[in-house]
N, C-alpha and C. Protein backbone atom coordinates (compact mmCIF):
# COMPACT_ATOMS: atom_id res chain seq x y z
N MET A 1 0.85 -1.20 -0.03
CA MET A 1 -0.06 -0.02 -0.04
C MET A 1 0.88 1.33 0.06
N THR A 2 1.95 1.28 0.80
CA THR A 2 2.79 2.34 0.94
C THR A 2 3.52 2.62 -0.48
N GLN A 3 3.86 1.40 -1.16
CA GLN A 3 4.61 1.56 -2.36
C GLN A 3 3.61 2.14 -3.37
N ASN A 4 2.32 1.80 -3.34
CA ASN A 4 1.33 2.46 -4.30
C ASN A 4 1.21 3.93 -4.02
N LEU A 5 1.16 4.32 -2.76
CA LEU A 5 0.98 5.73 -2.44
C LEU A 5 2.23 6.50 -3.01
N LEU A 6 3.48 6.00 -2.78
CA LEU A 6 4.72 6.60 -3.36
C LEU A 6 4.64 6.68 -4.78
N GLY A 7 4.25 5.63 -5.39
CA GLY A 7 4.07 5.69 -6.88
C GLY A 7 3.23 6.68 -7.44
N ALA A 8 1.98 6.92 -6.78
CA ALA A 8 0.99 7.85 -7.07
C ALA A 8 1.55 9.25 -6.88
N GLY A 9 2.33 9.37 -5.70
CA GLY A 9 2.98 10.78 -5.56
C GLY A 9 4.03 11.13 -6.59
N VAL A 10 4.78 10.09 -7.07
CA VAL A 10 5.84 10.37 -8.09
C VAL A 10 5.14 10.71 -9.44
N PHE A 11 4.05 9.91 -9.64
CA PHE A 11 3.26 10.14 -10.90
C PHE A 11 2.69 11.62 -10.89
N LEU A 12 2.10 12.08 -9.72
CA LEU A 12 1.49 13.42 -9.73
C LEU A 12 2.53 14.45 -9.79
N ILE A 13 3.69 14.18 -9.15
CA ILE A 13 4.77 15.24 -9.35
C ILE A 13 5.31 15.35 -10.81
N GLN A 14 5.50 14.18 -11.37
CA GLN A 14 5.98 14.22 -12.70
C GLN A 14 5.08 14.71 -13.76
N THR A 15 3.66 14.49 -13.55
CA THR A 15 2.59 15.00 -14.41
C THR A 15 2.61 16.45 -14.30
N PHE A 16 2.30 17.04 -13.12
CA PHE A 16 2.13 18.43 -12.96
C PHE A 16 3.23 19.30 -13.21
N ALA A 17 4.51 18.91 -12.74
CA ALA A 17 5.77 19.59 -13.00
C ALA A 17 6.01 19.49 -14.46
N GLY A 18 5.74 18.43 -15.14
CA GLY A 18 6.04 18.27 -16.63
C GLY A 18 5.11 19.21 -17.42
N LEU A 19 3.84 19.29 -17.06
CA LEU A 19 2.92 20.18 -17.78
C LEU A 19 3.41 21.63 -17.59
N TYR A 20 3.78 22.00 -16.28
CA TYR A 20 4.20 23.41 -16.07
C TYR A 20 5.48 23.73 -16.66
N LEU A 21 6.40 22.72 -16.75
CA LEU A 21 7.73 22.93 -17.49
C LEU A 21 7.43 23.11 -18.93
N ILE A 22 6.51 22.51 -19.55
CA ILE A 22 6.08 22.72 -21.05
C ILE A 22 5.65 24.13 -21.15
N LEU A 23 4.72 24.56 -20.28
CA LEU A 23 4.34 26.00 -20.44
C LEU A 23 5.30 27.01 -20.26
N LEU A 24 6.15 26.76 -19.26
CA LEU A 24 7.37 27.67 -19.07
C LEU A 24 8.35 27.67 -20.26
N LEU A 25 8.61 26.57 -20.84
CA LEU A 25 9.49 26.46 -21.98
C LEU A 25 8.80 26.97 -23.26
N LEU A 26 7.45 26.85 -23.34
CA LEU A 26 6.82 27.51 -24.48
C LEU A 26 6.95 29.01 -24.30
N ARG A 27 6.73 29.54 -23.25
CA ARG A 27 6.82 31.05 -22.93
C ARG A 27 8.32 31.45 -23.34
N PHE A 28 9.33 30.69 -22.98
CA PHE A 28 10.62 30.96 -23.37
C PHE A 28 10.84 31.03 -24.75
N LEU A 29 10.40 29.97 -25.46
CA LEU A 29 10.58 29.78 -26.92
C LEU A 29 9.69 30.99 -27.71
N MET A 30 8.60 31.18 -27.10
CA MET A 30 7.74 32.29 -27.66
C MET A 30 8.51 33.59 -27.69
N GLN A 31 9.17 33.89 -26.71
CA GLN A 31 9.98 35.17 -26.57
C GLN A 31 11.18 35.15 -27.47
N LEU A 32 11.71 34.02 -27.70
CA LEU A 32 12.90 33.76 -28.55
C LEU A 32 12.39 33.93 -30.05
N SER A 33 11.18 33.38 -30.34
CA SER A 33 10.65 33.34 -31.70
C SER A 33 9.89 34.66 -32.00
N ARG A 34 9.72 35.39 -30.99
CA ARG A 34 8.95 36.75 -31.18
C ARG A 34 7.52 36.52 -31.75
N VAL A 35 6.90 35.63 -31.13
CA VAL A 35 5.48 35.29 -31.57
C VAL A 35 4.57 36.44 -31.27
N ASP A 36 3.28 36.41 -31.89
CA ASP A 36 2.40 37.43 -31.64
C ASP A 36 1.78 37.33 -30.21
N TYR A 37 1.95 38.28 -29.37
CA TYR A 37 1.50 38.12 -28.06
C TYR A 37 0.05 38.47 -27.89
N TYR A 38 -0.61 38.93 -29.09
CA TYR A 38 -2.04 39.07 -28.89
C TYR A 38 -2.83 37.89 -29.30
N ASN A 39 -2.13 36.77 -29.49
CA ASN A 39 -2.71 35.43 -29.70
C ASN A 39 -3.28 34.98 -28.42
N PRO A 40 -4.40 34.65 -28.31
CA PRO A 40 -5.02 34.29 -26.96
C PRO A 40 -4.41 33.16 -26.33
N ILE A 41 -3.82 32.17 -27.01
CA ILE A 41 -3.08 31.06 -26.41
C ILE A 41 -1.92 31.56 -25.80
N CYS A 42 -1.06 32.54 -26.53
CA CYS A 42 0.15 33.16 -25.93
C CYS A 42 -0.22 33.80 -24.60
N GLN A 43 -1.31 34.52 -24.64
CA GLN A 43 -1.77 35.30 -23.46
C GLN A 43 -2.14 34.43 -22.31
N ALA A 44 -2.69 33.28 -22.56
CA ALA A 44 -3.03 32.38 -21.48
C ALA A 44 -1.71 31.73 -20.87
N ILE A 45 -0.82 31.43 -21.79
CA ILE A 45 0.43 30.79 -21.30
C ILE A 45 1.24 31.88 -20.40
N VAL A 46 1.18 33.08 -20.85
CA VAL A 46 1.93 34.15 -20.17
C VAL A 46 1.20 34.32 -18.70
N LYS A 47 -0.19 34.19 -18.84
CA LYS A 47 -0.97 34.49 -17.40
C LYS A 47 -0.56 33.40 -16.47
N VAL A 48 -0.47 32.14 -17.09
CA VAL A 48 -0.33 30.98 -16.16
C VAL A 48 1.12 30.99 -15.57
N THR A 49 2.04 31.38 -16.33
CA THR A 49 3.51 31.43 -15.91
C THR A 49 3.98 32.63 -15.38
N ASP A 50 3.21 33.66 -15.28
CA ASP A 50 3.61 35.10 -14.82
C ASP A 50 3.94 35.00 -13.25
N PRO A 51 3.04 34.44 -12.30
CA PRO A 51 3.30 34.51 -10.91
C PRO A 51 4.78 34.24 -10.34
N PRO A 52 5.40 33.19 -10.90
CA PRO A 52 6.72 33.00 -10.34
C PRO A 52 7.79 33.88 -11.01
N ILE A 53 7.47 34.28 -12.30
CA ILE A 53 8.52 34.93 -13.10
C ILE A 53 8.49 36.57 -12.86
N LYS A 54 7.34 37.02 -12.64
CA LYS A 54 7.17 38.50 -12.53
C LYS A 54 8.03 39.09 -11.50
N PRO A 55 8.19 38.51 -10.26
CA PRO A 55 9.10 39.11 -9.23
C PRO A 55 10.61 39.12 -9.62
N LEU A 56 10.99 38.15 -10.44
CA LEU A 56 12.30 37.99 -10.62
C LEU A 56 12.88 38.76 -11.90
N LYS A 57 11.88 39.34 -12.72
CA LYS A 57 12.18 40.07 -13.95
C LYS A 57 12.99 41.35 -13.53
N LYS A 58 12.85 41.96 -12.42
CA LYS A 58 13.71 43.11 -11.96
C LYS A 58 15.05 42.73 -11.73
N MET A 59 15.24 41.55 -11.12
CA MET A 59 16.52 41.05 -10.64
C MET A 59 17.30 40.45 -11.91
N LEU A 60 16.54 39.56 -12.72
CA LEU A 60 17.14 38.96 -13.85
C LEU A 60 16.57 39.41 -15.14
N PRO A 61 17.08 40.53 -15.72
CA PRO A 61 16.51 41.11 -16.90
C PRO A 61 16.85 40.29 -18.19
N THR A 62 16.06 40.61 -19.20
CA THR A 62 16.37 39.84 -20.46
C THR A 62 17.69 40.23 -21.06
N ILE A 63 18.53 39.31 -21.57
CA ILE A 63 19.78 39.66 -22.13
C ILE A 63 19.77 39.15 -23.43
N ARG A 64 19.97 40.02 -24.52
CA ARG A 64 19.88 39.77 -25.92
C ARG A 64 18.69 38.88 -26.36
N GLY A 65 17.66 39.15 -25.92
CA GLY A 65 16.33 38.44 -26.26
C GLY A 65 16.17 37.19 -25.50
N VAL A 66 17.17 36.89 -24.64
CA VAL A 66 16.92 35.57 -23.81
C VAL A 66 16.40 36.09 -22.40
N ASP A 67 15.26 35.56 -22.10
CA ASP A 67 14.47 35.81 -20.87
C ASP A 67 15.20 34.94 -19.64
N VAL A 68 16.10 35.58 -18.95
CA VAL A 68 16.79 34.83 -17.95
C VAL A 68 15.95 34.36 -16.81
N SER A 69 14.99 35.21 -16.43
CA SER A 69 13.98 34.92 -15.30
C SER A 69 13.21 33.69 -15.63
N THR A 70 12.69 33.44 -16.93
CA THR A 70 11.95 32.41 -17.18
C THR A 70 12.83 31.16 -17.29
N LEU A 71 14.03 31.17 -17.74
CA LEU A 71 14.94 30.17 -17.70
C LEU A 71 15.32 29.62 -16.28
N PHE A 72 15.53 30.64 -15.53
CA PHE A 72 15.89 30.26 -14.06
C PHE A 72 14.71 29.62 -13.40
N ILE A 73 13.52 30.10 -13.45
CA ILE A 73 12.43 29.42 -12.90
C ILE A 73 12.14 28.04 -13.57
N THR A 74 12.33 27.89 -14.80
CA THR A 74 12.19 26.49 -15.45
C THR A 74 13.09 25.53 -14.87
N LEU A 75 14.40 26.02 -14.62
CA LEU A 75 15.38 25.12 -14.01
C LEU A 75 15.18 24.82 -12.62
N VAL A 76 14.59 25.81 -11.84
CA VAL A 76 14.26 25.54 -10.37
C VAL A 76 13.10 24.54 -10.26
N VAL A 77 12.04 24.82 -11.23
CA VAL A 77 10.97 23.62 -11.26
C VAL A 77 11.44 22.32 -11.63
N GLN A 78 12.30 22.27 -12.69
CA GLN A 78 12.73 20.86 -12.96
C GLN A 78 13.58 20.32 -11.79
N LEU A 79 14.40 21.07 -11.19
CA LEU A 79 15.24 20.65 -10.10
C LEU A 79 14.52 20.16 -8.89
N LEU A 80 13.44 20.94 -8.58
CA LEU A 80 12.52 20.59 -7.55
C LEU A 80 11.70 19.23 -7.89
N ALA A 81 11.32 19.13 -9.07
CA ALA A 81 10.64 17.83 -9.49
C ALA A 81 11.57 16.69 -9.28
N ILE A 82 12.80 16.92 -9.83
CA ILE A 82 13.73 15.71 -9.59
C ILE A 82 14.02 15.41 -8.23
N SER A 83 14.32 16.39 -7.43
CA SER A 83 14.66 16.14 -6.09
C SER A 83 13.54 15.45 -5.29
N LEU A 84 12.28 15.96 -5.51
CA LEU A 84 11.06 15.38 -4.96
C LEU A 84 10.89 13.75 -5.40
N VAL A 85 11.14 13.55 -6.55
CA VAL A 85 10.96 12.14 -7.17
C VAL A 85 11.98 11.31 -6.55
N MET A 86 13.19 11.77 -6.60
CA MET A 86 14.36 10.93 -6.07
C MET A 86 14.21 10.75 -4.55
N PHE A 87 13.77 11.68 -3.82
CA PHE A 87 13.44 11.57 -2.35
C PHE A 87 12.43 10.48 -2.12
N LEU A 88 11.30 10.57 -2.83
CA LEU A 88 10.20 9.66 -2.64
C LEU A 88 10.62 8.21 -3.17
N SER A 89 11.55 8.16 -4.06
CA SER A 89 11.95 6.87 -4.51
C SER A 89 13.17 6.21 -3.65
N GLY A 90 13.55 6.93 -2.57
CA GLY A 90 14.57 6.47 -1.68
C GLY A 90 15.91 6.97 -1.89
N GLY A 91 16.14 8.02 -2.84
CA GLY A 91 17.36 8.63 -3.14
C GLY A 91 17.60 9.82 -2.19
N TYR A 92 18.69 10.66 -2.64
CA TYR A 92 18.96 11.81 -1.92
C TYR A 92 17.97 12.88 -2.32
N ALA A 93 17.75 13.77 -1.23
CA ALA A 93 16.74 14.87 -1.49
C ALA A 93 17.41 15.91 -2.35
N PHE A 94 18.76 16.02 -2.31
CA PHE A 94 19.49 16.88 -3.34
C PHE A 94 20.78 16.38 -3.60
N HIS A 95 21.29 16.38 -4.65
CA HIS A 95 22.68 15.99 -5.09
C HIS A 95 23.09 16.89 -6.26
N PRO A 96 24.37 17.30 -6.26
CA PRO A 96 24.71 18.26 -7.29
C PRO A 96 24.50 17.78 -8.75
N VAL A 97 24.54 16.54 -8.91
CA VAL A 97 24.34 15.96 -10.24
C VAL A 97 22.74 16.35 -10.74
N TYR A 98 21.97 16.58 -9.87
CA TYR A 98 20.56 16.85 -10.24
C TYR A 98 20.52 18.18 -11.09
N ILE A 99 21.44 19.00 -10.78
CA ILE A 99 21.45 20.18 -11.64
C ILE A 99 21.77 19.86 -13.13
N ALA A 100 22.80 19.08 -13.18
CA ALA A 100 23.16 18.59 -14.67
C ALA A 100 21.85 17.85 -15.21
N TRP A 101 21.23 16.91 -14.50
CA TRP A 101 20.11 16.36 -14.97
C TRP A 101 18.97 17.22 -15.37
N SER A 102 18.84 18.40 -14.68
CA SER A 102 17.78 19.28 -14.87
C SER A 102 18.15 20.05 -16.33
N LEU A 103 19.29 20.43 -16.48
CA LEU A 103 19.78 21.04 -17.65
C LEU A 103 19.56 20.06 -18.96
N VAL A 104 19.92 18.87 -18.76
CA VAL A 104 19.63 17.86 -19.93
C VAL A 104 18.15 17.61 -20.14
N GLY A 105 17.43 17.66 -19.06
CA GLY A 105 16.04 17.50 -19.08
C GLY A 105 15.31 18.69 -19.81
N LEU A 106 15.65 19.90 -19.61
CA LEU A 106 15.18 21.06 -20.17
C LEU A 106 15.50 21.14 -21.67
N LEU A 107 16.75 20.75 -21.97
CA LEU A 107 17.13 20.63 -23.41
C LEU A 107 16.31 19.62 -24.14
N SER A 108 16.16 18.37 -23.54
CA SER A 108 15.42 17.39 -24.12
C SER A 108 13.97 17.90 -24.43
N THR A 109 13.24 18.50 -23.40
CA THR A 109 11.92 19.01 -23.58
C THR A 109 11.82 20.13 -24.68
N ILE A 110 12.72 20.87 -24.76
CA ILE A 110 12.81 21.98 -25.88
C ILE A 110 12.78 21.16 -27.22
N PHE A 111 13.51 20.20 -27.31
CA PHE A 111 13.64 19.46 -28.61
C PHE A 111 12.22 18.69 -28.85
N LYS A 112 11.59 18.18 -27.83
CA LYS A 112 10.30 17.67 -27.94
C LYS A 112 9.27 18.60 -28.45
N ILE A 113 9.38 19.75 -27.85
CA ILE A 113 8.32 20.75 -28.21
C ILE A 113 8.47 21.02 -29.63
N TYR A 114 9.74 21.27 -30.16
CA TYR A 114 9.94 21.53 -31.50
C TYR A 114 9.52 20.34 -32.41
N TYR A 115 9.81 19.13 -32.02
CA TYR A 115 9.49 17.93 -32.78
C TYR A 115 7.92 17.83 -32.78
N PHE A 116 7.23 17.95 -31.80
CA PHE A 116 5.68 17.78 -31.84
C PHE A 116 4.99 18.99 -32.57
N SER A 117 5.62 20.16 -32.42
CA SER A 117 5.17 21.27 -33.23
C SER A 117 5.09 21.07 -34.64
N LEU A 118 6.31 20.54 -35.09
CA LEU A 118 6.43 20.29 -36.54
C LEU A 118 5.51 19.15 -36.99
N ILE A 119 5.25 18.05 -36.10
CA ILE A 119 4.23 17.15 -36.53
C ILE A 119 2.83 17.75 -36.68
N ILE A 120 2.55 18.68 -35.67
CA ILE A 120 1.23 19.44 -35.73
C ILE A 120 1.17 20.20 -37.09
N MET A 121 2.34 20.87 -37.46
CA MET A 121 2.36 21.67 -38.63
C MET A 121 2.17 20.93 -39.84
N VAL A 122 2.79 19.71 -39.88
CA VAL A 122 2.66 18.89 -41.12
C VAL A 122 1.29 18.36 -41.30
N ILE A 123 0.64 17.78 -40.11
CA ILE A 123 -0.69 17.23 -40.27
C ILE A 123 -1.74 18.28 -40.60
N ALA A 124 -1.57 19.57 -40.01
CA ALA A 124 -2.50 20.61 -40.25
C ALA A 124 -2.33 21.07 -41.72
N SER A 125 -1.16 21.00 -42.28
CA SER A 125 -0.98 21.41 -43.68
C SER A 125 -1.79 20.47 -44.64
N TRP A 126 -2.00 19.21 -44.09
CA TRP A 126 -2.85 18.30 -44.99
C TRP A 126 -4.32 18.51 -44.64
N VAL A 127 -4.65 18.56 -43.41
CA VAL A 127 -6.08 18.61 -42.95
C VAL A 127 -6.67 20.06 -43.19
N ALA A 128 -5.95 21.04 -42.63
CA ALA A 128 -6.54 22.41 -42.86
C ALA A 128 -5.44 23.38 -43.11
N PRO A 129 -5.02 23.42 -44.51
CA PRO A 129 -3.81 24.11 -44.93
C PRO A 129 -4.05 25.71 -44.78
N TYR A 130 -5.29 26.22 -44.82
CA TYR A 130 -5.40 27.66 -44.62
C TYR A 130 -6.05 28.11 -43.45
N SER A 131 -5.89 27.24 -42.46
CA SER A 131 -6.47 27.59 -41.10
C SER A 131 -5.75 28.79 -40.38
N ASN A 132 -6.66 29.71 -39.95
CA ASN A 132 -6.08 30.80 -39.11
C ASN A 132 -6.45 30.74 -37.64
N HIS A 133 -6.52 29.30 -37.25
CA HIS A 133 -6.79 29.21 -35.74
C HIS A 133 -5.57 29.65 -34.93
N PRO A 134 -5.82 30.24 -33.75
CA PRO A 134 -4.63 30.75 -32.95
C PRO A 134 -3.59 29.72 -32.64
N ALA A 135 -4.04 28.41 -32.45
CA ALA A 135 -3.03 27.31 -32.10
C ALA A 135 -2.10 27.08 -33.35
N MET A 136 -2.56 27.10 -34.53
CA MET A 136 -1.86 27.04 -35.85
C MET A 136 -0.93 28.20 -36.00
N ALA A 137 -1.39 29.43 -35.71
CA ALA A 137 -0.51 30.64 -35.91
C ALA A 137 0.61 30.51 -34.90
N LEU A 138 0.35 30.06 -33.60
CA LEU A 138 1.43 29.93 -32.67
C LEU A 138 2.52 28.82 -33.17
N VAL A 139 2.02 27.79 -33.61
CA VAL A 139 2.93 26.63 -34.10
C VAL A 139 3.74 27.16 -35.11
N ASN A 140 3.12 27.91 -36.13
CA ASN A 140 3.84 28.41 -37.29
C ASN A 140 5.06 29.27 -36.96
N GLN A 141 4.59 30.25 -35.97
CA GLN A 141 5.59 31.26 -35.59
C GLN A 141 6.63 30.66 -34.67
N LEU A 142 6.25 29.59 -33.94
CA LEU A 142 7.19 29.04 -33.06
C LEU A 142 8.33 28.17 -33.79
N THR A 143 7.84 27.51 -34.83
CA THR A 143 8.78 26.73 -35.62
C THR A 143 9.49 27.47 -36.76
N GLU A 144 9.08 28.62 -37.03
CA GLU A 144 9.71 29.51 -38.21
C GLU A 144 11.19 29.64 -37.86
N PRO A 145 11.74 30.01 -36.75
CA PRO A 145 13.14 30.15 -36.60
C PRO A 145 13.95 28.91 -36.85
N VAL A 146 13.42 27.74 -36.66
CA VAL A 146 14.18 26.41 -36.90
C VAL A 146 13.96 26.03 -38.36
N CYS A 147 12.82 26.41 -38.87
CA CYS A 147 12.74 25.89 -40.33
C CYS A 147 13.26 26.90 -41.30
N SER A 148 13.34 28.21 -41.12
CA SER A 148 13.90 29.10 -42.18
C SER A 148 15.25 28.73 -42.60
N PRO A 149 16.24 28.34 -41.65
CA PRO A 149 17.58 27.98 -42.10
C PRO A 149 17.47 26.77 -43.03
N ALA A 150 16.65 25.84 -42.71
CA ALA A 150 16.43 24.60 -43.53
C ALA A 150 15.85 24.95 -44.86
N ARG A 151 15.08 25.96 -44.97
CA ARG A 151 14.48 26.38 -46.28
C ARG A 151 15.46 27.00 -47.08
N LYS A 152 16.45 27.62 -46.64
CA LYS A 152 17.54 28.13 -47.38
C LYS A 152 18.38 27.11 -48.03
N LEU A 153 18.57 25.89 -47.28
CA LEU A 153 19.27 24.79 -47.78
C LEU A 153 18.49 23.95 -48.86
N LEU A 154 17.15 23.86 -48.59
CA LEU A 154 16.31 23.12 -49.47
C LEU A 154 15.06 23.81 -49.76
N PRO A 155 15.07 24.67 -50.60
CA PRO A 155 13.90 25.52 -50.98
C PRO A 155 12.68 24.62 -51.37
N PRO A 156 11.38 25.05 -51.32
CA PRO A 156 10.30 24.34 -51.78
C PRO A 156 10.33 23.94 -53.23
N MET A 157 9.93 22.69 -53.49
CA MET A 157 10.04 22.18 -54.85
C MET A 157 8.67 21.69 -55.24
N GLY A 158 8.14 22.24 -56.24
CA GLY A 158 6.84 22.03 -56.76
C GLY A 158 5.76 22.22 -55.69
N GLY A 159 5.88 23.27 -55.02
CA GLY A 159 4.95 23.70 -53.96
C GLY A 159 4.98 22.80 -52.66
N MET A 160 5.96 21.85 -52.62
CA MET A 160 6.00 20.95 -51.47
C MET A 160 7.29 21.52 -50.66
N ASP A 161 7.10 21.64 -49.39
CA ASP A 161 8.24 22.07 -48.52
C ASP A 161 8.92 20.87 -47.89
N PHE A 162 10.18 20.39 -48.36
CA PHE A 162 10.77 19.28 -47.88
C PHE A 162 11.69 19.64 -46.79
N SER A 163 11.79 20.98 -46.54
CA SER A 163 12.92 21.48 -45.52
C SER A 163 12.51 20.89 -44.15
N ILE A 164 11.24 20.61 -43.89
CA ILE A 164 10.88 20.10 -42.64
C ILE A 164 11.49 18.74 -42.24
N ILE A 165 11.72 17.96 -43.35
CA ILE A 165 12.31 16.74 -43.25
C ILE A 165 13.81 17.00 -42.70
N LEU A 166 14.49 17.92 -43.21
CA LEU A 166 15.80 18.22 -42.66
C LEU A 166 15.79 18.63 -41.21
N VAL A 167 14.73 19.35 -40.80
CA VAL A 167 14.68 19.70 -39.37
C VAL A 167 14.27 18.33 -38.51
N PHE A 168 13.47 17.66 -38.87
CA PHE A 168 13.18 16.37 -38.24
C PHE A 168 14.50 15.60 -38.06
N VAL A 169 15.26 15.43 -39.10
CA VAL A 169 16.41 14.63 -39.11
C VAL A 169 17.45 15.26 -38.13
N ALA A 170 17.66 16.56 -38.19
CA ALA A 170 18.50 17.31 -37.23
C ALA A 170 18.14 17.04 -35.79
N ILE A 171 16.78 17.19 -35.41
CA ILE A 171 16.30 17.19 -34.14
C ILE A 171 16.45 15.66 -33.55
N THR A 172 16.29 14.66 -34.47
CA THR A 172 16.42 13.29 -34.13
C THR A 172 17.82 12.99 -33.88
N LEU A 173 18.87 13.45 -34.73
CA LEU A 173 20.23 13.20 -34.55
C LEU A 173 20.71 13.77 -33.25
N ILE A 174 20.40 15.07 -32.88
CA ILE A 174 20.79 15.78 -31.73
C ILE A 174 20.21 15.08 -30.48
N ASP A 175 18.91 14.72 -30.56
CA ASP A 175 18.21 14.19 -29.44
C ASP A 175 18.68 12.77 -29.22
N SER A 176 18.73 11.86 -30.12
CA SER A 176 18.91 10.45 -29.95
C SER A 176 20.36 9.96 -30.00
N TYR A 177 21.22 10.74 -30.82
CA TYR A 177 22.58 10.07 -31.07
C TYR A 177 23.69 11.03 -30.73
N LEU A 178 23.51 12.32 -30.80
CA LEU A 178 24.75 13.32 -30.52
C LEU A 178 24.80 13.93 -29.24
N ILE A 179 23.73 14.40 -28.75
CA ILE A 179 23.88 15.22 -27.50
C ILE A 179 22.98 14.65 -26.26
N ILE A 180 21.74 14.68 -26.43
CA ILE A 180 20.84 14.53 -25.31
C ILE A 180 20.88 13.06 -24.69
N ARG A 181 20.63 12.09 -25.48
CA ARG A 181 20.68 10.73 -24.89
C ARG A 181 22.10 10.23 -24.52
N PRO A 182 23.12 10.67 -25.28
CA PRO A 182 24.52 10.28 -24.72
C PRO A 182 24.86 10.93 -23.36
N LEU A 183 24.40 12.24 -23.31
CA LEU A 183 24.54 13.05 -22.00
C LEU A 183 23.70 12.27 -20.92
N ALA A 184 22.52 11.94 -21.16
CA ALA A 184 21.66 11.32 -20.15
C ALA A 184 22.30 10.02 -19.64
N SER A 185 22.84 9.17 -20.67
CA SER A 185 23.43 7.99 -20.38
C SER A 185 24.71 8.18 -19.50
N MET A 186 25.54 9.14 -19.94
CA MET A 186 26.73 9.49 -19.27
C MET A 186 26.57 9.99 -17.74
N LEU A 187 25.43 10.86 -17.64
CA LEU A 187 25.20 11.28 -16.29
C LEU A 187 24.38 10.37 -15.42
N GLY A 188 23.95 9.27 -16.08
CA GLY A 188 23.17 8.16 -15.25
C GLY A 188 21.78 8.68 -14.87
N ILE A 189 21.22 9.35 -15.75
CA ILE A 189 19.83 9.75 -15.47
C ILE A 189 18.82 8.53 -15.48
N PRO A 190 18.14 8.23 -14.47
CA PRO A 190 17.28 7.10 -14.49
C PRO A 190 16.15 7.32 -15.50
N GLN A 191 15.88 6.20 -16.13
CA GLN A 191 14.86 6.39 -17.34
C GLN A 191 13.48 6.61 -16.66
N GLY A 192 12.90 7.62 -17.30
CA GLY A 192 11.46 7.90 -16.91
C GLY A 192 11.44 8.92 -15.90
N LEU A 193 12.55 9.35 -15.43
CA LEU A 193 12.55 10.33 -14.36
C LEU A 193 12.15 11.79 -14.91
N ILE A 194 12.68 12.07 -16.05
CA ILE A 194 12.57 13.39 -16.59
C ILE A 194 11.63 13.22 -17.86
N LEU A 195 10.69 14.24 -18.05
CA LEU A 195 9.89 14.28 -19.15
C LEU A 195 10.75 14.33 -20.53
N GLY A 196 10.48 13.39 -21.30
CA GLY A 196 11.05 13.26 -22.71
C GLY A 196 12.34 12.42 -22.61
N LEU A 197 12.76 11.86 -21.38
CA LEU A 197 14.06 11.02 -21.41
C LEU A 197 13.56 9.52 -20.88
């Protein structure tokens, strides 16, 4: 019974921390991509993530378009989630390696956001190519900074945009083979501890 309660606690922490981390990272990526803040979905994300970030904005200003306060809060949330899960699982409440685990986890989540945004973009281009839904506008604006360099390498051919395939390949290489999975393995991150790993 105690094991079931611990499992339920770990599940709840991972679920709610994971969802909040996605919102925080979406906010960070929206600022980097300079998306339209009048989009109702963007406004909702900013409203939900504002309480912990607003007080820090005075101490940690934006540097060259990078919102340091959002990144800091995201790192703290990831670190707290890892610490709580490890503590409930019988590990240390805090260990310096958790900071490295958090950084790898955040990087992995960013790549997952881009990966699934691209999938949404591809499916929507088949199902509703001329949709002006706020979610589609957000996805298009969010992925544009990653897709535009690929379009320069591989311009549209016959009305088909194959540059997205290059972006998928790059994301998969970085995530699975070059950086994220090798780092997770090297640092000994337990499987399933962090969202996306």
